[in-house]
């Protein structure tokens, strides 16, 4: 399918990365729905994009969001699991709550969404899932065990979905290094920002996944 025929969902639409993806794909795709846990009073809606409420930790909420998009625009062709978070500062034996928080924020959100959308993609015979991984989850990072472990789980989820599917359905993940966002620039003002991954680069990489037959790729960018 060509990108201008694609209906897609982008989770975590109020985040720094997903908000740029929403803007990028609104100009290219047929229909784009960005999801947030709680809908604010002010949000922009265009003729082919909108923001909807969805809790990625609640299967009923995800199912409801999928049904809404189906009724509004038709079958969902691409699902981008962008919602997530980062934290560090504790050793493995410390910060016990961090493990559950990172696991739920980064892994369970992706797993729940994949579990809901995959049967529909199989029925339609075509679909693209893109997950957000992390380069730091490949080799590890001190004081960021919960984050790295949760992203490693996302990597394996991506591989497993790819192995279990095919025939028009693909699942890939992007593994960025430091992403060039306002928050990261504020936290690291003296760093060399020229080597950071732009959000536009992430969008272009995802578009490449959607347009290709690549499957099970963990792509470092």
Protein backbone atom coordinates (compact mmCIF):
# COMPACT_ATOMS: atom_id res chain seq x y z
CA UNK A 1 0.00 0.00 0.00
CA UNK A 2 1.11 3.56 -0.68
CA UNK A 3 1.50 5.85 2.31
CA UNK A 4 -1.40 8.03 1.17
CA UNK A 5 -3.73 5.02 1.52
CA UNK A 6 -2.67 4.24 5.09
CA UNK A 7 -4.83 4.70 8.18
CA UNK A 8 -2.62 4.73 11.27
CA UNK A 9 -2.65 5.03 15.03
CA UNK A 10 0.16 6.70 16.98
CA UNK A 11 0.19 6.13 20.74
CA UNK A 12 1.43 8.75 23.20
CA UNK A 13 0.51 11.62 20.91
CA UNK A 14 1.24 14.28 23.52
CA UNK A 15 4.88 13.17 23.77
CA UNK A 16 7.81 14.93 22.15
CA UNK A 17 8.38 12.24 19.52
CA UNK A 18 4.80 11.19 18.80
CA UNK A 19 3.62 14.78 18.37
CA UNK A 20 6.11 15.25 15.53
CA UNK A 21 5.12 11.91 14.01
CA UNK A 22 1.50 13.00 14.10
CA UNK A 23 2.32 16.19 12.21
CA UNK A 24 4.57 14.33 9.74
CA UNK A 25 2.10 11.60 8.84
CA UNK A 26 -0.94 13.87 8.76
CA UNK A 27 0.65 15.39 5.64
CA UNK A 28 1.18 11.96 4.06
CA UNK A 29 -1.25 9.32 5.30
CA UNK A 30 -4.96 8.92 4.62
CA UNK A 31 -5.94 9.17 8.29
CA UNK A 32 -3.99 9.50 11.54
CA UNK A 33 -5.30 9.06 15.07
CA UNK A 34 -3.03 10.02 17.93
CA UNK A 35 -3.90 8.56 21.33
CA UNK A 36 -3.58 10.11 24.77
CA UNK A 37 -4.66 8.77 28.16
CA UNK A 38 -6.74 11.86 28.89
CA UNK A 39 -8.07 14.25 26.32
CA UNK A 40 -7.28 17.89 27.03
CA UNK A 41 -9.65 20.78 26.41
CA UNK A 42 -7.56 22.14 23.55
CA UNK A 43 -6.33 20.00 20.69
CA UNK A 44 -6.13 20.45 16.96
CA UNK A 45 -8.18 18.34 14.58
CA UNK A 46 -7.73 18.32 10.83
CA UNK A 47 -9.70 16.69 8.06
CA UNK A 48 -7.59 13.55 8.24
CA UNK A 49 -6.18 13.47 11.79
CA UNK A 50 -7.40 13.70 15.34
CA UNK A 51 -6.54 12.95 18.96
CA UNK A 52 -8.55 10.32 20.84
CA UNK A 53 -8.54 8.97 24.38
CA UNK A 54 -7.03 5.54 24.94
CA UNK A 55 -5.39 3.90 27.93
CA UNK A 56 -2.73 1.51 26.57
CA UNK A 57 -2.83 -0.44 29.82
CA UNK A 58 -6.54 -1.20 29.41
CA UNK A 59 -7.61 -3.75 26.79
CA UNK A 60 -11.19 -2.44 26.72
CA UNK A 61 -9.95 1.10 26.11
CA UNK A 62 -7.71 -0.05 23.26
CA UNK A 63 -10.53 -2.04 21.70
CA UNK A 64 -12.79 0.99 21.93
CA UNK A 65 -10.20 3.20 20.23
CA UNK A 66 -9.76 0.68 17.42
CA UNK A 67 -13.51 0.49 16.89
CA UNK A 68 -13.72 4.29 16.80
CA UNK A 69 -11.05 4.52 14.09
CA UNK A 70 -12.71 1.70 12.13
CA UNK A 71 -16.01 3.58 12.18
CA UNK A 72 -14.40 6.91 11.34
CA UNK A 73 -11.85 5.93 8.70
CA UNK A 74 -11.91 2.17 8.10
CA UNK A 75 -9.32 -0.53 8.77
CA UNK A 76 -6.14 0.43 10.62
CA UNK A 77 -3.13 -0.36 8.46
CA UNK A 78 -0.27 0.87 10.66
CA UNK A 79 0.13 1.01 14.43
CA UNK A 80 3.00 2.95 16.00
CA UNK A 81 3.74 2.14 19.66
CA UNK A 82 5.47 5.37 20.66
CA UNK A 83 4.16 5.86 24.20
CA UNK A 84 6.85 5.22 26.80
CA UNK A 85 9.14 6.77 29.35
CA UNK A 86 12.65 6.92 30.75
CA UNK A 87 14.09 7.00 34.25
CA UNK A 88 17.44 6.32 35.83
CA UNK A 89 19.33 6.92 39.06
CA UNK A 90 19.00 3.70 41.04
CA UNK A 91 21.08 0.55 41.19
CA UNK A 92 19.46 -2.83 40.55
CA UNK A 93 18.80 -3.45 44.24
CA UNK A 94 17.25 0.00 44.67
CA UNK A 95 14.14 1.72 43.35
CA UNK A 96 11.87 -1.33 43.50
CA UNK A 97 8.85 0.57 42.15
CA UNK A 98 10.86 1.68 39.12
CA UNK A 99 10.86 -1.85 37.70
CA UNK A 100 7.08 -2.14 37.58
CA UNK A 101 6.68 1.42 36.34
CA UNK A 102 9.11 1.01 33.44
CA UNK A 103 7.78 -2.45 32.59
CA UNK A 104 4.23 -1.14 32.38
CA UNK A 105 5.13 2.13 30.66
CA UNK A 106 7.38 0.71 27.95
CA UNK A 107 6.52 -2.97 27.52
CA UNK A 108 2.95 -3.60 28.62
CA UNK A 109 1.65 -0.64 26.64
CA UNK A 110 3.19 -2.08 23.47
CA UNK A 111 2.12 -5.65 24.25
CA UNK A 112 -1.48 -4.70 24.99
CA UNK A 113 -1.82 -2.71 21.78
CA UNK A 114 -0.25 -5.46 19.69
CA UNK A 115 -2.56 -8.05 21.20
CA UNK A 116 -5.58 -5.99 20.21
CA UNK A 117 -4.57 -4.90 16.71
CA UNK A 118 -2.93 -8.10 15.44
CA UNK A 119 -6.13 -10.15 15.01
CA UNK A 120 -7.64 -7.32 12.98
CA UNK A 121 -4.56 -7.03 10.78
CA UNK A 122 -4.61 -10.78 10.19
CA UNK A 123 -8.25 -10.59 9.16
CA UNK A 124 -7.48 -7.74 6.77
CA UNK A 125 -4.38 -9.54 5.46
CA UNK A 126 -2.09 -6.51 5.81
CA UNK A 127 -0.59 -4.46 8.59
CA UNK A 128 2.46 -2.65 9.89
CA UNK A 129 3.48 -2.44 13.55
CA UNK A 130 6.41 -0.28 14.62
CA UNK A 131 7.70 -0.34 18.19
CA UNK A 132 10.00 2.08 19.97
CA UNK A 133 13.12 0.33 21.23
CA UNK A 134 16.40 1.80 22.47
CA UNK A 135 20.09 1.39 21.71
CA UNK A 136 20.90 1.52 25.43
CA UNK A 137 18.86 -1.65 25.90
CA UNK A 138 21.29 -3.58 23.70
CA UNK A 139 24.46 -3.17 25.77
CA UNK A 140 22.93 -1.88 29.00
CA UNK A 141 23.41 1.31 30.95
CA UNK A 142 24.38 1.74 34.60
CA UNK A 143 21.65 3.04 36.90
CA UNK A 144 19.01 2.46 34.21
CA UNK A 145 18.25 -1.23 34.67
CA UNK A 146 14.44 -0.92 34.69
CA UNK A 147 14.42 1.15 31.51
CA UNK A 148 16.87 -1.12 29.67
CA UNK A 149 15.08 -4.29 30.72
CA UNK A 150 11.70 -2.95 29.61
CA UNK A 151 13.05 -1.92 26.21
CA UNK A 152 14.82 -5.27 25.78
CA UNK A 153 11.40 -6.86 26.26
CA UNK A 154 10.06 -4.61 23.50
CA UNK A 155 12.85 -5.83 21.21
CA UNK A 156 11.95 -9.48 21.83
CA UNK A 157 8.24 -8.75 21.43
CA UNK A 158 9.04 -7.26 18.03
CA UNK A 159 11.03 -10.31 16.94
CA UNK A 160 8.37 -12.72 18.19
CA UNK A 161 5.52 -10.96 16.39
CA UNK A 162 7.55 -10.96 13.18
CA UNK A 163 8.23 -14.70 13.49
CA UNK A 164 4.60 -15.51 14.22
CA UNK A 165 3.17 -13.47 11.37
CA UNK A 166 4.21 -12.40 7.91
CA UNK A 167 1.95 -12.74 4.84
CA UNK A 168 1.48 -8.99 4.65
CA UNK A 169 1.97 -8.22 8.33
CA UNK A 170 5.29 -6.89 9.60
CA UNK A 171 6.60 -5.78 12.97
CA UNK A 172 9.80 -3.76 13.33
CA UNK A 173 11.41 -1.54 15.95
CA UNK A 174 13.54 1.56 15.80
CA UNK A 175 16.43 1.76 18.28
CA UNK A 176 17.43 5.42 18.53
CA UNK A 177 20.36 6.75 20.49
CA UNK A 178 19.80 10.15 22.13
CA UNK A 179 16.78 11.82 20.56
CA UNK A 180 16.97 15.53 19.84
CA UNK A 181 14.09 16.87 21.93
CA UNK A 182 13.71 20.13 23.88
CA UNK A 183 13.81 18.20 27.16
CA UNK A 184 17.08 16.43 26.28
CA UNK A 185 18.68 19.68 25.16
CA UNK A 186 17.68 21.27 28.45
CA UNK A 187 19.13 18.37 30.46
CA UNK A 188 22.34 18.20 28.41
CA UNK A 189 23.00 21.76 27.19
CA UNK A 190 26.73 21.22 26.66
CA UNK A 191 26.44 17.99 24.66
CA UNK A 192 27.16 17.70 20.94
CA UNK A 193 23.63 17.85 19.60
CA UNK A 194 24.76 17.27 16.02
CA UNK A 195 25.03 13.54 16.67
CA UNK A 196 21.57 13.19 18.16
CA UNK A 197 18.70 11.56 16.30
CA UNK A 198 16.13 14.05 15.04
CA UNK A 199 12.44 13.29 15.33
CA UNK A 200 12.14 13.84 11.58
CA UNK A 201 14.68 11.04 11.06
CA UNK A 202 12.53 8.76 13.23
CA UNK A 203 9.48 9.65 11.12
CA UNK A 204 11.32 8.93 7.88
CA UNK A 205 12.56 5.60 9.21
CA UNK A 206 9.05 4.58 10.22
CA UNK A 207 7.74 5.56 6.79
CA UNK A 208 10.39 3.28 5.32
CA UNK A 209 9.13 0.39 7.44
CA UNK A 210 5.54 1.01 6.37
CA UNK A 211 6.49 1.08 2.69
CA UNK A 212 8.67 -2.04 2.76
CA UNK A 213 8.46 -5.76 3.54
CA UNK A 214 11.12 -5.56 6.25
CA UNK A 215 10.09 -7.72 9.18
CA UNK A 216 11.64 -8.30 12.59
CA UNK A 217 14.23 -5.54 12.18
CA UNK A 218 15.71 -3.80 15.21
CA UNK A 219 17.08 -0.80 13.38
CA UNK A 220 19.71 1.36 15.07
CA UNK A 221 19.39 5.00 14.09
